[in-house]
Amino acid sequence: MACNIHNAYGFSINPVREQALLANLPVIAKSVKKDIQDFFQQIDQIILQ
């Protein structure tokens, strides 16, 4: 069982969850980038109408 660690800001961190999040950051970033690109494409379409 992983114990929680408190960081310098007082937030409780579960090391296992932190490692999972770090491992998924590239996927999360790619998804956010795609969402932002889609958003601006929609804005462009609205402006061009």
PDB file of N, CA and C in Angstrom:
ATOM      1  N   MET A   1       0.851  -1.187   0.000  1.00  0.00           N
ATOM      2  CA  MET A   1       0.000   0.000   0.000  1.00  0.00           C
ATOM      3  C   MET A   1       0.891   1.243   0.000  1.00  0.00           C
ATOM      4  N   ALA A   2       0.645   2.142  -0.921  1.00  0.00           N
ATOM      5  CA  ALA A   2       1.453   3.356  -1.023  1.00  0.00           C
ATOM      6  C   ALA A   2       0.978   4.366   0.011  1.00  0.00           C
ATOM      7  N   CYS A   3       1.926   4.981   0.670  1.00  0.00           N
ATOM      8  CA  CYS A   3       1.550   6.014   1.631  1.00  0.00           C
ATOM      9  C   CYS A   3       1.588   7.371   0.938  1.00  0.00           C
ATOM     10  N   ASN A   4       0.796   8.272   1.453  1.00  0.00           N
ATOM     11  CA  ASN A   4       0.774   9.613   0.882  1.00  0.00           C
ATOM     12  C   ASN A   4       1.923  10.433   1.448  1.00  0.00           C
ATOM     13  N   ILE A   5       2.490  11.271   0.624  1.00  0.00           N
ATOM     14  CA  ILE A   5       3.588  12.148   1.015  1.00  0.00           C
ATOM     15  C   ILE A   5       3.091  13.578   0.866  1.00  0.00           C
ATOM     16  N   HIS A   6       3.427  14.422   1.817  1.00  0.00           N
ATOM     17  CA  HIS A   6       3.045  15.828   1.707  1.00  0.00           C
ATOM     18  C   HIS A   6       4.211  16.604   1.114  1.00  0.00           C
ATOM     19  N   ASN A   7       3.918  17.344   0.063  1.00  0.00           N
ATOM     20  CA  ASN A   7       4.983  18.123  -0.579  1.00  0.00           C
ATOM     21  C   ASN A   7       5.147  19.466   0.134  1.00  0.00           C
ATOM     22  N   ALA A   8       5.994  20.306  -0.400  1.00  0.00           N
ATOM     23  CA  ALA A   8       6.301  21.591   0.236  1.00  0.00           C
ATOM     24  C   ALA A   8       5.076  22.498   0.344  1.00  0.00           C
ATOM     25  N   TYR A   9       4.070  22.271  -0.501  1.00  0.00           N
ATOM     26  CA  TYR A   9       2.876  23.115  -0.490  1.00  0.00           C
ATOM     27  C   TYR A   9       1.783  22.546   0.406  1.00  0.00           C
ATOM     28  N   GLY A  10       2.050  21.414   1.033  1.00  0.00           N
ATOM     29  CA  GLY A  10       1.077  20.819   1.938  1.00  0.00           C
ATOM     30  C   GLY A  10       0.072  19.913   1.258  1.00  0.00           C
ATOM     31  N   PHE A  11       0.235  19.689  -0.054  1.00  0.00           N
ATOM     32  CA  PHE A  11      -0.681  18.797  -0.752  1.00  0.00           C
ATOM     33  C   PHE A  11      -0.254  17.356  -0.546  1.00  0.00           C
ATOM     34  N   SER A  12      -1.214  16.499  -0.369  1.00  0.00           N
ATOM     35  CA  SER A  12      -0.933  15.079  -0.204  1.00  0.00           C
ATOM     36  C   SER A  12      -0.728  14.449  -1.578  1.00  0.00           C
ATOM     37  N   ILE A  13       0.368  13.727  -1.734  1.00  0.00           N
ATOM     38  CA  ILE A  13       0.692  13.113  -3.020  1.00  0.00           C
ATOM     39  C   ILE A  13       0.805  11.606  -2.845  1.00  0.00           C
ATOM     40  N   ASN A  14       0.091  10.884  -3.661  1.00  0.00           N
ATOM     41  CA  ASN A  14       0.239   9.437  -3.703  1.00  0.00           C
ATOM     42  C   ASN A  14       1.269   9.146  -4.788  1.00  0.00           C
ATOM     43  N   PRO A  15       2.427   8.589  -4.432  1.00  0.00           N
ATOM     44  CA  PRO A  15       3.499   8.379  -5.421  1.00  0.00           C
ATOM     45  C   PRO A  15       3.073   7.538  -6.624  1.00  0.00           C
ATOM     46  N   VAL A  16       2.213   6.560  -6.411  1.00  0.00           N
ATOM     47  CA  VAL A  16       1.761   5.710  -7.519  1.00  0.00           C
ATOM     48  C   VAL A  16       0.917   6.525  -8.488  1.00  0.00           C
ATOM     49  N   ARG A  17      -0.005   7.312  -7.965  1.00  0.00           N
ATOM     50  CA  ARG A  17      -0.849   8.153  -8.826  1.00  0.00           C
ATOM     51  C   ARG A  17      -0.025   9.218  -9.528  1.00  0.00           C
ATOM     52  N   GLU A  18       0.968   9.762  -8.831  1.00  0.00           N
ATOM     53  CA  GLU A  18       1.825  10.776  -9.443  1.00  0.00           C
ATOM     54  C   GLU A  18       2.592  10.181 -10.622  1.00  0.00           C
ATOM     55  N   GLN A  19       3.128   8.981 -10.461  1.00  0.00           N
ATOM     56  CA  GLN A  19       3.859   8.335 -11.552  1.00  0.00           C
ATOM     57  C   GLN A  19       2.933   8.044 -12.731  1.00  0.00           C
ATOM     58  N   ALA A  20       1.698   7.623 -12.443  1.00  0.00           N
ATOM     59  CA  ALA A  20       0.736   7.353 -13.517  1.00  0.00           C
ATOM     60  C   ALA A  20       0.419   8.638 -14.272  1.00  0.00           C
ATOM     61  N   LEU A  21       0.245   9.734 -13.541  1.00  0.00           N
ATOM     62  CA  LEU A  21      -0.040  11.023 -14.182  1.00  0.00           C
ATOM     63  C   LEU A  21       1.133  11.460 -15.054  1.00  0.00           C
ATOM     64  N   LEU A  22       2.349  11.348 -14.516  1.00  0.00           N
ATOM     65  CA  LEU A  22       3.529  11.747 -15.286  1.00  0.00           C
ATOM     66  C   LEU A  22       3.671  10.901 -16.544  1.00  0.00           C
ATOM     67  N   ALA A  23       3.363   9.620 -16.434  1.00  0.00           N
ATOM     68  CA  ALA A  23       3.460   8.731 -17.593  1.00  0.00           C
ATOM     69  C   ALA A  23       2.441   9.112 -18.659  1.00  0.00           C
ATOM     70  N   ASN A  24       1.299   9.658 -18.231  1.00  0.00           N
ATOM     71  CA  ASN A  24       0.225  10.006 -19.168  1.00  0.00           C
ATOM     72  C   ASN A  24       0.294  11.440 -19.673  1.00  0.00           C
ATOM     73  N   LEU A  25       1.239  12.228 -19.180  1.00  0.00           N
ATOM     74  CA  LEU A  25       1.298  13.639 -19.589  1.00  0.00           C
ATOM     75  C   LEU A  25       1.400  13.840 -21.098  1.00  0.00           C
ATOM     76  N   PRO A  26       2.214  13.070 -21.831  1.00  0.00           N
ATOM     77  CA  PRO A  26       2.260  13.273 -23.284  1.00  0.00           C
ATOM     78  C   PRO A  26       0.903  13.052 -23.952  1.00  0.00           C
ATOM     79  N   VAL A  27       0.163  12.058 -23.494  1.00  0.00           N
ATOM     80  CA  VAL A  27      -1.164  11.773 -24.058  1.00  0.00           C
ATOM     81  C   VAL A  27      -2.125  12.905 -23.707  1.00  0.00           C
ATOM     82  N   ILE A  28      -2.068  13.355 -22.471  1.00  0.00           N
ATOM     83  CA  ILE A  28      -2.941  14.451 -22.032  1.00  0.00           C
ATOM     84  C   ILE A  28      -2.628  15.718 -22.828  1.00  0.00           C
ATOM     85  N   ALA A  29      -1.340  16.026 -22.989  1.00  0.00           N
ATOM     86  CA  ALA A  29      -0.937  17.227 -23.727  1.00  0.00           C
ATOM     87  C   ALA A  29      -1.391  17.162 -25.182  1.00  0.00           C
ATOM     88  N   LYS A  30      -1.268  15.996 -25.791  1.00  0.00           N
ATOM     89  CA  LYS A  30      -1.687  15.830 -27.188  1.00  0.00           C
ATOM     90  C   LYS A  30      -3.195  16.053 -27.322  1.00  0.00           C
ATOM     91  N   SER A  31      -3.952  15.545 -26.364  1.00  0.00           N
ATOM     92  CA  SER A  31      -5.401  15.702 -26.373  1.00  0.00           C
ATOM     93  C   SER A  31      -5.790  17.171 -26.203  1.00  0.00           C
ATOM     94  N   VAL A  32      -5.128  17.859 -25.281  1.00  0.00           N
ATOM     95  CA  VAL A  32      -5.409  19.280 -25.059  1.00  0.00           C
ATOM     96  C   VAL A  32      -5.053  20.083 -26.308  1.00  0.00           C
ATOM     97  N   LYS A  33      -3.917  19.767 -26.923  1.00  0.00           N
ATOM     98  CA  LYS A  33      -3.500  20.462 -28.149  1.00  0.00           C
ATOM     99  C   LYS A  33      -4.551  20.284 -29.239  1.00  0.00           C
ATOM    100  N   LYS A  34      -5.066  19.061 -29.396  1.00  0.00           N
ATOM    101  CA  LYS A  34      -6.086  18.780 -30.408  1.00  0.00           C
ATOM    102  C   LYS A  34      -7.349  19.582 -30.109  1.00  0.00           C
ATOM    103  N   ASP A  35      -7.756  19.616 -28.841  1.00  0.00           N
ATOM    104  CA  ASP A  35      -8.946  20.384 -28.456  1.00  0.00           C
ATOM    105  C   ASP A  35      -8.774  21.866 -28.788  1.00  0.00           C
ATOM    106  N   ILE A  36      -7.598  22.403 -28.518  1.00  0.00           N
ATOM    107  CA  ILE A  36      -7.336  23.822 -28.804  1.00  0.00           C
ATOM    108  C   ILE A  36      -7.358  24.075 -30.308  1.00  0.00           C
ATOM    109  N   GLN A  37      -6.753  23.173 -31.085  1.00  0.00           N
ATOM    110  CA  GLN A  37      -6.762  23.322 -32.544  1.00  0.00           C
ATOM    111  C   GLN A  37      -8.192  23.265 -33.079  1.00  0.00           C
ATOM    112  N   ASP A  38      -8.991  22.327 -32.571  1.00  0.00           N
ATOM    113  CA  ASP A  38     -10.390  22.223 -32.999  1.00  0.00           C
ATOM    114  C   ASP A  38     -11.159  23.498 -32.661  1.00  0.00           C
ATOM    115  N   PHE A  39     -10.911  24.035 -31.478  1.00  0.00           N
ATOM    116  CA  PHE A  39     -11.575  25.263 -31.054  1.00  0.00           C
ATOM    117  C   PHE A  39     -11.275  26.404 -32.024  1.00  0.00           C
ATOM    118  N   PHE A  40      -9.992  26.584 -32.359  1.00  0.00           N
ATOM    119  CA  PHE A  40      -9.633  27.686 -33.254  1.00  0.00           C
ATOM    120  C   PHE A  40     -10.129  27.449 -34.677  1.00  0.00           C
ATOM    121  N   GLN A  41     -10.227  26.205 -35.103  1.00  0.00           N
ATOM    122  CA  GLN A  41     -10.820  25.923 -36.418  1.00  0.00           C
ATOM    123  C   GLN A  41     -12.284  26.346 -36.432  1.00  0.00           C
ATOM    124  N   GLN A  42     -12.991  26.061 -35.342  1.00  0.00           N
ATOM    125  CA  GLN A  42     -14.397  26.460 -35.261  1.00  0.00           C
ATOM    126  C   GLN A  42     -14.524  27.982 -35.261  1.00  0.00           C
ATOM    127  N   ILE A  43     -13.652  28.658 -34.539  1.00  0.00           N
ATOM    128  CA  ILE A  43     -13.666  30.128 -34.521  1.00  0.00           C
ATOM    129  C   ILE A  43     -13.417  30.672 -35.931  1.00  0.00           C
ATOM    130  N   ASP A  44     -12.435  30.095 -36.627  1.00  0.00           N
ATOM    131  CA  ASP A  44     -12.146  30.519 -38.006  1.00  0.00           C
ATOM    132  C   ASP A  44     -13.364  30.345 -38.901  1.00  0.00           C
ATOM    133  N   GLN A  45     -14.071  29.231 -38.757  1.00  0.00           N
ATOM    134  CA  GLN A  45     -15.258  28.983 -39.581  1.00  0.00           C
ATOM    135  C   GLN A  45     -16.341  30.008 -39.290  1.00  0.00           C
ATOM    136  N   ILE A  46     -16.496  30.352 -38.023  1.00  0.00           N
ATOM    137  CA  ILE A  46     -17.503  31.352 -37.648  1.00  0.00           C
ATOM    138  C   ILE A  46     -17.136  32.711 -38.247  1.00  0.00           C
ATOM    139  N   ILE A  47     -15.871  33.075 -38.166  1.00  0.00           N
ATOM    140  CA  ILE A  47     -15.416  34.370 -38.692  1.00  0.00           C
ATOM    141  C   ILE A  47     -15.584  34.428 -40.209  1.00  0.00           C
ATOM    142  N   LEU A  48     -15.306  33.322 -40.886  1.00  0.00           N
ATOM    143  CA  LEU A  48     -15.358  33.305 -42.348  1.00  0.00           C
ATOM    144  C   LEU A  48     -16.779  33.221 -42.903  1.00  0.00           C
ATOM    145  N   GLN A  49     -17.758  32.970 -42.068  1.00  0.00           N
ATOM    146  CA  GLN A  49     -19.138  32.859 -42.555  1.00  0.00           C
ATOM    147  C   GLN A  49     -19.711  34.220 -42.901  1.00  0.00           C
TER     148      GLN A  49
END
